[in-house]
Protein backbone atom coordinates (compact mmCIF):
# COMPACT_ATOMS: atom_id res chain seq x y z
CA MET A 1 -11.80 -13.47 19.29
CA GLY A 2 -14.65 -15.24 17.60
CA LEU A 3 -16.16 -17.63 17.25
CA CYS A 4 -17.56 -20.67 15.60
CA LEU A 5 -14.88 -23.17 14.62
CA LEU A 6 -12.47 -21.09 16.68
CA PHE A 7 -10.10 -23.75 17.84
CA ALA A 8 -9.33 -25.43 14.55
CA LEU A 9 -5.58 -25.33 14.49
CA MET A 10 -4.69 -24.93 18.14
CA PRO A 11 -2.59 -27.52 19.97
CA GLY A 12 -4.67 -30.49 21.01
CA VAL A 13 -7.60 -29.69 18.75
CA GLY A 14 -8.52 -32.33 16.24
CA ASP A 15 -7.55 -35.17 18.60
CA ALA A 16 -10.39 -37.60 18.09
CA SER A 17 -9.31 -39.83 20.96
CA PRO A 18 -12.26 -41.72 22.46
CA ARG A 19 -10.95 -41.03 26.00
CA PHE A 20 -12.99 -37.82 26.07
CA LYS A 21 -16.44 -38.63 27.41
CA ALA A 22 -19.03 -36.08 28.48
CA GLY A 23 -20.38 -36.05 32.00
CA ASP A 24 -18.52 -39.06 33.40
CA PRO A 25 -18.19 -38.98 36.38
CA PRO A 26 -21.02 -36.57 37.28
CA TYR A 27 -19.74 -33.04 37.51
CA LEU A 28 -20.51 -32.41 41.17
CA GLU A 29 -18.36 -35.38 42.14
CA ARG A 30 -15.23 -33.74 40.71
CA GLU A 31 -12.78 -31.67 42.70
CA GLU A 32 -12.13 -29.31 39.79
CA VAL A 33 -15.84 -28.52 39.56
CA GLN A 34 -16.01 -27.84 43.29
CA ARG A 35 -13.05 -25.47 42.95
CA PHE A 36 -14.69 -23.72 40.02
CA ILE A 37 -17.92 -23.28 41.95
CA GLN A 38 -16.06 -21.81 44.92
CA GLU A 39 -14.20 -19.40 42.66
CA GLN A 40 -17.51 -18.13 41.31
CA VAL A 41 -19.00 -17.88 44.79
CA ASP A 42 -16.04 -15.68 45.71
CA GLU A 43 -17.12 -13.44 42.81
CA GLY A 44 -20.63 -13.07 44.15
CA PHE A 45 -22.53 -15.98 42.62
CA ASP A 46 -24.90 -18.12 44.66
CA GLU A 47 -23.43 -21.49 45.62
CA ASP A 48 -26.73 -23.36 45.75
CA GLU A 49 -27.70 -22.10 42.30
CA LEU A 50 -24.36 -23.10 40.82
CA ARG A 51 -24.52 -26.56 42.38
CA ALA A 52 -28.01 -27.02 40.97
CA LEU A 53 -26.80 -26.00 37.51
CA PHE A 54 -23.98 -28.54 37.53
CA ALA A 55 -26.21 -31.24 38.99
CA ASN A 56 -28.66 -30.86 36.12
CA THR A 57 -26.27 -31.10 33.18
CA ASP A 58 -24.92 -34.38 31.84
CA GLY A 59 -22.61 -32.74 29.31
CA LEU A 60 -22.86 -32.95 25.54
CA GLN A 61 -20.98 -35.78 23.86
CA ARG A 62 -21.76 -34.28 20.45
CA VAL A 63 -19.71 -31.22 21.41
CA LEU A 64 -16.64 -33.39 22.03
CA ASP A 65 -17.19 -35.20 18.74
CA LEU A 66 -17.43 -31.95 16.78
CA ILE A 67 -14.43 -30.23 18.28
CA SER A 68 -12.40 -33.31 17.35
CA ALA A 69 -13.15 -32.84 13.63
CA PRO A 70 -13.29 -29.09 12.80
CA ALA A 71 -13.97 -27.94 9.24
CA GLU A 72 -10.63 -26.11 9.15
CA ALA A 73 -8.84 -29.46 9.24
CA ARG A 74 -9.89 -29.90 5.60
CA PRO A 75 -7.79 -28.72 2.64
CA TRP A 76 -8.74 -25.43 0.99
CA LYS A 77 -10.23 -27.25 -2.01
CA ASP A 78 -12.83 -28.83 0.31
CA TYR A 79 -13.22 -25.90 2.71
CA ARG A 80 -13.83 -23.19 0.11
CA PRO A 81 -17.03 -24.69 -1.36
CA ILE A 82 -18.68 -24.61 2.06
CA PHE A 83 -18.76 -20.81 2.05
CA LEU A 84 -18.22 -19.64 -1.54
CA THR A 85 -21.66 -20.52 -2.88
CA ARG A 86 -24.04 -18.62 -5.09
CA GLN A 87 -26.69 -18.76 -2.36
CA ARG A 88 -24.40 -17.20 0.25
CA ILE A 89 -23.19 -14.50 -2.14
CA GLU A 90 -26.73 -13.55 -3.14
CA ALA A 91 -27.83 -13.58 0.50
CA GLY A 92 -24.90 -11.27 1.27
CA VAL A 93 -26.02 -8.79 -1.38
CA ARG A 94 -29.55 -8.80 0.05
CA PHE A 95 -28.22 -8.39 3.58
CA TRP A 96 -26.13 -5.40 2.49
CA GLU A 97 -29.15 -3.80 0.83
CA GLU A 98 -31.36 -4.36 3.88
CA HIS A 99 -28.80 -3.03 6.37
CA GLU A 100 -27.06 -0.46 4.20
CA ALA A 101 -27.60 2.46 6.58
CA THR A 102 -26.27 0.52 9.58
CA LEU A 103 -23.27 -0.75 7.62
CA LEU A 104 -22.47 2.78 6.48
CA ARG A 105 -22.69 4.02 10.05
CA ALA A 106 -20.38 1.22 11.19
CA GLN A 107 -17.93 2.09 8.43
CA GLU A 108 -17.90 5.72 9.45
CA ARG A 109 -17.50 5.03 13.17
CA PHE A 110 -15.12 2.07 13.13
CA ARG A 111 -13.39 2.45 9.74
CA VAL A 112 -14.11 -1.10 8.61
CA ASN A 113 -15.18 -2.02 5.08
CA PRO A 114 -18.85 -3.04 4.85
CA ASP A 115 -18.06 -6.02 2.63
CA ILE A 116 -15.83 -7.50 5.34
CA ILE A 117 -18.55 -7.10 7.98
CA VAL A 118 -21.09 -8.72 5.65
CA ALA A 119 -18.73 -11.57 4.81
CA ILE A 120 -17.95 -12.31 8.47
CA ILE A 121 -21.64 -12.60 9.31
CA GLY A 122 -22.15 -14.66 6.15
CA VAL A 123 -19.43 -17.14 7.04
CA GLU A 124 -20.32 -17.29 10.72
CA THR A 125 -24.10 -17.72 10.61
CA PHE A 126 -25.29 -17.43 6.99
CA TYR A 127 -26.93 -14.13 7.99
CA GLY A 128 -28.54 -15.48 11.12
CA ARG A 129 -29.76 -18.79 9.73
CA HIS A 130 -27.14 -20.93 11.49
CA ALA A 131 -26.45 -19.34 14.87
CA GLY A 132 -26.06 -22.68 16.63
CA GLY A 133 -28.32 -25.04 18.53
CA PHE A 134 -26.18 -26.04 21.51
CA PRO A 135 -27.00 -24.66 24.97
CA VAL A 136 -24.01 -22.44 25.68
CA PHE A 137 -23.82 -23.37 29.35
CA ASP A 138 -23.82 -27.11 28.67
CA ALA A 139 -21.30 -26.77 25.85
CA LEU A 140 -18.88 -24.79 27.99
CA VAL A 141 -19.25 -27.15 30.94
CA THR A 142 -18.53 -30.10 28.63
CA LEU A 143 -15.43 -28.50 27.14
CA GLY A 144 -14.25 -27.02 30.40
CA PHE A 145 -14.32 -30.28 32.31
CA ASP A 146 -14.27 -33.06 29.69
CA TYR A 147 -11.82 -31.75 27.11
CA PRO A 148 -8.36 -31.60 28.72
CA PRO A 149 -6.47 -30.11 25.73
CA ARG A 150 -8.33 -26.80 26.18
CA ALA A 151 -9.93 -27.17 29.61
CA ASP A 152 -8.40 -24.01 31.11
CA PHE A 153 -9.57 -21.89 28.21
CA PHE A 154 -13.13 -23.18 28.30
CA ARG A 155 -13.40 -22.89 32.07
CA SER A 156 -12.39 -19.27 31.67
CA GLU A 157 -15.08 -18.86 29.02
CA LEU A 158 -17.62 -20.48 31.32
CA ALA A 159 -16.75 -17.96 34.02
CA HIS A 160 -17.10 -15.17 31.46
CA TYR A 161 -20.45 -16.60 30.38
CA LEU A 162 -21.82 -16.49 33.94
CA ARG A 163 -20.78 -12.84 34.18
CA LEU A 164 -22.19 -12.08 30.74
CA VAL A 165 -25.56 -13.53 31.74
CA ARG A 166 -25.56 -11.30 34.80
CA GLU A 167 -24.46 -8.19 32.88
CA GLU A 168 -26.64 -8.52 29.78
CA GLY A 169 -29.67 -10.36 31.16
CA LEU A 170 -29.24 -13.44 28.96
CA ASP A 171 -31.18 -16.65 29.55
CA LEU A 172 -28.51 -18.73 31.27
CA LEU A 173 -29.83 -22.13 30.22
CA GLY A 174 -31.80 -21.10 27.15
CA THR A 175 -29.11 -19.23 25.23
CA LYS A 176 -27.82 -21.37 22.36
CA GLY A 177 -24.75 -21.16 20.18
CA SER A 178 -22.03 -23.17 18.48
CA TYR A 179 -20.43 -26.30 19.86
CA ALA A 180 -17.54 -24.11 21.09
CA GLY A 181 -19.85 -21.78 23.02
CA ALA A 182 -19.89 -18.94 20.48
CA MET A 183 -23.21 -17.16 20.26
CA GLY A 184 -25.23 -14.62 18.37
CA ARG A 185 -25.32 -13.44 14.79
CA GLY A 186 -21.59 -12.79 14.70
CA GLN A 187 -20.67 -15.79 16.88
CA PHE A 188 -18.80 -14.18 19.76
CA ILE A 189 -17.42 -16.28 22.57
CA SER A 190 -18.26 -14.97 26.01
CA SER A 191 -15.01 -13.10 26.66
CA SER A 192 -15.22 -11.42 23.25
CA TYR A 193 -18.87 -10.55 23.83
CA ARG A 194 -17.95 -8.82 27.09
CA GLU A 195 -14.93 -7.04 25.59
CA TYR A 196 -16.01 -6.02 22.08
CA ALA A 197 -19.80 -6.00 21.83
CA VAL A 198 -21.41 -2.57 21.42
CA ASP A 199 -24.91 -1.19 21.75
CA PHE A 200 -25.28 0.08 18.20
CA ASN A 201 -29.04 0.67 18.19
CA GLY A 202 -29.07 2.76 21.38
CA ASP A 203 -31.53 0.67 23.36
CA GLY A 204 -29.21 0.30 26.35
CA ARG A 205 -28.34 -3.38 25.69
CA ARG A 206 -25.62 -5.18 23.79
CA ASP A 207 -27.81 -7.79 22.16
CA LEU A 208 -25.87 -9.96 19.69
CA LEU A 209 -28.60 -12.60 19.67
CA ASN A 210 -31.47 -10.53 18.30
CA SER A 211 -30.22 -7.11 17.16
CA TRP A 212 -28.70 -6.72 13.70
CA PRO A 213 -27.36 -3.22 14.48
CA ASP A 214 -25.59 -4.53 17.58
CA ALA A 215 -24.18 -7.51 15.65
CA ILE A 216 -22.93 -5.31 12.80
CA GLY A 217 -21.44 -2.70 15.10
CA SER A 218 -19.79 -5.33 17.28
CA VAL A 219 -18.11 -7.09 14.36
CA ALA A 220 -16.84 -3.72 13.16
CA ASN A 221 -15.59 -2.82 16.63
CA TYR A 222 -13.79 -6.15 16.90
CA PHE A 223 -11.95 -5.46 13.66
CA ARG A 224 -11.12 -1.90 14.62
CA ARG A 225 -9.74 -2.99 17.97
CA HIS A 226 -7.53 -5.56 16.26
CA GLY A 227 -6.02 -3.08 13.83
CA TRP A 228 -8.04 -3.24 10.59
CA SER A 229 -6.93 -0.68 7.99
CA MET A 230 -9.94 0.27 5.86
CA GLY A 231 -9.30 0.22 2.15
CA GLU A 232 -5.95 -1.52 2.47
CA PRO A 233 -5.34 -4.84 0.66
CA VAL A 234 -5.69 -8.27 2.27
CA VAL A 235 -3.73 -10.71 0.10
CA VAL A 236 -1.87 -10.95 -3.18
CA ARG A 237 -1.11 -14.12 -5.12
CA ALA A 238 2.52 -15.23 -5.31
CA GLN A 239 4.62 -17.44 -7.55
CA VAL A 240 7.40 -19.56 -6.10
CA GLU A 241 10.47 -21.42 -7.23
CA GLY A 242 11.42 -24.55 -5.33
CA ASP A 243 10.33 -25.43 -1.81
CA ASP A 244 12.32 -22.91 0.22
CA TYR A 245 9.19 -20.78 0.59
CA LYS A 246 7.80 -23.33 3.06
CA ALA A 247 10.18 -22.03 5.71
CA LEU A 248 8.17 -18.78 5.82
CA VAL A 249 4.73 -20.42 6.11
CA SER A 250 3.97 -20.14 9.80
CA ARG A 251 1.42 -18.94 12.32
CA PRO A 252 0.51 -16.38 13.47
CA TYR A 253 0.16 -14.65 10.13
CA ARG A 254 1.75 -11.34 11.04
CA ALA A 255 2.90 -9.38 7.99
CA ARG A 256 6.62 -9.23 8.78
CA HIS A 257 8.52 -10.43 5.67
CA SER A 258 9.94 -7.87 3.24
CA LEU A 259 10.13 -8.38 -0.51
CA GLU A 260 13.85 -9.04 -0.04
CA ASP A 261 13.07 -11.76 2.52
CA LEU A 262 10.60 -13.32 0.10
CA ALA A 263 12.98 -13.18 -2.85
CA GLU A 264 15.61 -15.06 -0.87
CA LYS A 265 13.16 -17.92 -0.55
CA GLY A 266 12.07 -17.87 -4.19
CA ILE A 267 8.79 -16.00 -3.61
CA LYS A 268 7.54 -13.18 -5.82
CA PRO A 269 4.15 -11.42 -5.89
CA VAL A 270 2.39 -11.80 -9.24
CA SER A 271 1.25 -8.15 -9.29
CA SER A 272 2.76 -4.82 -8.29
CA VAL A 273 2.93 -4.12 -4.56
CA ASP A 274 4.32 -1.36 -2.37
CA PRO A 275 8.07 -2.01 -2.22
CA ASP A 276 8.05 -1.25 1.51
CA ALA A 277 5.13 -3.55 2.31
CA ARG A 278 5.45 -6.52 4.65
CA PHE A 279 3.79 -9.89 4.20
CA SER A 280 3.03 -13.27 5.67
CA VAL A 281 3.21 -16.39 3.51
CA ILE A 282 0.11 -18.56 3.12
CA GLU A 283 -0.05 -22.00 1.54
CA LEU A 284 -3.35 -23.47 0.35
CA GLU A 285 -4.14 -26.82 -1.23
CA ALA A 286 -6.48 -25.98 -4.11
CA GLU A 287 -8.03 -28.13 -6.82
CA GLU A 288 -5.21 -27.33 -9.24
CA GLY A 289 -2.50 -27.91 -6.65
CA THR A 290 -0.64 -25.77 -4.13
CA GLN A 291 -1.35 -22.04 -4.08
CA VAL A 292 0.89 -19.53 -2.35
CA TRP A 293 -0.45 -16.17 -1.24
CA LEU A 294 1.08 -13.20 0.52
CA GLY A 295 -0.92 -11.76 3.38
CA TYR A 296 -0.95 -8.13 4.42
CA GLU A 297 -1.63 -7.11 8.00
CA ASN A 298 -5.36 -7.06 7.24
CA PHE A 299 -5.16 -10.81 6.61
CA TYR A 300 -3.70 -11.22 10.07
CA VAL A 301 -6.56 -9.15 11.51
CA ILE A 302 -9.11 -11.55 10.00
CA THR A 303 -7.28 -14.44 11.69
CA ARG A 304 -7.89 -12.73 15.03
CA TYR A 305 -11.57 -13.58 14.49
CA ASN A 306 -10.68 -17.19 13.71
CA ARG A 307 -7.09 -18.38 13.64
CA SER A 308 -7.40 -20.56 10.56
CA PRO A 309 -5.90 -19.16 7.32
CA LEU A 310 -8.65 -21.04 5.48
CA TYR A 311 -11.25 -19.05 7.39
CA ALA A 312 -9.50 -15.76 6.65
CA MET A 313 -9.26 -16.57 2.96
CA ALA A 314 -12.92 -17.59 2.84
CA VAL A 315 -13.91 -14.26 4.40
CA TYR A 316 -11.73 -12.36 1.95
CA GLU A 317 -13.09 -14.17 -1.11
CA LEU A 318 -16.71 -13.99 0.04
CA ALA A 319 -16.35 -10.25 0.69
CA ARG A 320 -14.93 -9.76 -2.80
CA GLU A 321 -17.68 -11.80 -4.45
CA ILE A 322 -20.44 -10.01 -2.56
CA ARG A 323 -18.98 -6.60 -3.36
CA GLU A 324 -18.66 -7.41 -7.06
CA ALA A 325 -22.17 -8.87 -7.23
CA ARG A 326 -23.61 -5.81 -5.51
CA GLU A 327 -21.76 -3.42 -7.80
CA ALA A 328 -23.01 -5.31 -10.85
CA GLU A 329 -26.56 -5.12 -9.51
CA LEU A 330 -26.25 -1.38 -8.92
CA ARG A 331 -24.95 -0.88 -12.46
CA ARG A 332 -27.92 -2.75 -13.88
CA GLY A 333 -30.22 -0.60 -11.79
CA ASP A 334 -28.61 2.53 -13.21
CA GLY A 335 -28.97 1.18 -16.71
CA SER A 336 -25.23 1.34 -17.29
């Protein structure tokens, strides 16, 4: 999975308790660090080099502060304006124009809509402008050994990062990314980089830090591997009666509820849908009040990149806005 802001709604995330302090006591004094080092030595890494790495990092307190207050903890009315801006939409149109051939090739190979690829990169890094400024190694050490709610996960990612550096020739200490250790133009965590990244420009490397073709192809491959259905819908707005619908709002957002299931809870799509379709139920707090949406399986696929329904909805809406803006621009160019 991705990626920046990845851990928004997981258990333990958002706990702003001051008990989490980076680098205290020093890492090499801790038994869990010694065990981790030995595990990596057993996998072929040099013990002296690993000990030197841990001895020379003090951890990053800012990482602990940020993971305690993720953007996805906000309501939709505050989250949406972060990503649905005129500047990001226009930048998305320009990005599509600049990389049209690569996006078309990714569509043909992986069967993923170009607007979704463009929107993911737009949300994740604003088309490469905001790829993160935290040293990935230091961030993962901090979270792996100073953030107990997700320590096992981040230690696993740290182990993946060491292997990724060895496999792809990354700068171990110089590579930077998000506070959660996601890196590159599509913000892949280390395990996702190793599993889903592709060499899409044919230079023999999977370079998500500097290669736009590799970033585009890797995002598309991630979506294909998680079951994206090109051309299929993502969400449809719903109207509800009463509060019974709340019983169907739950994670993960697999599309498993039939229209009959929805009707029993007072939920009805506002437009025509396939009578055999299945849906998840999504609740958003918008400016005008509560919105209820029905998610198709493609919505669930977006949440595999980031588990927050707010993130998935932002990607969907940004993709739609970019596509419509591009189509309008093409019509003007044709004089129609």
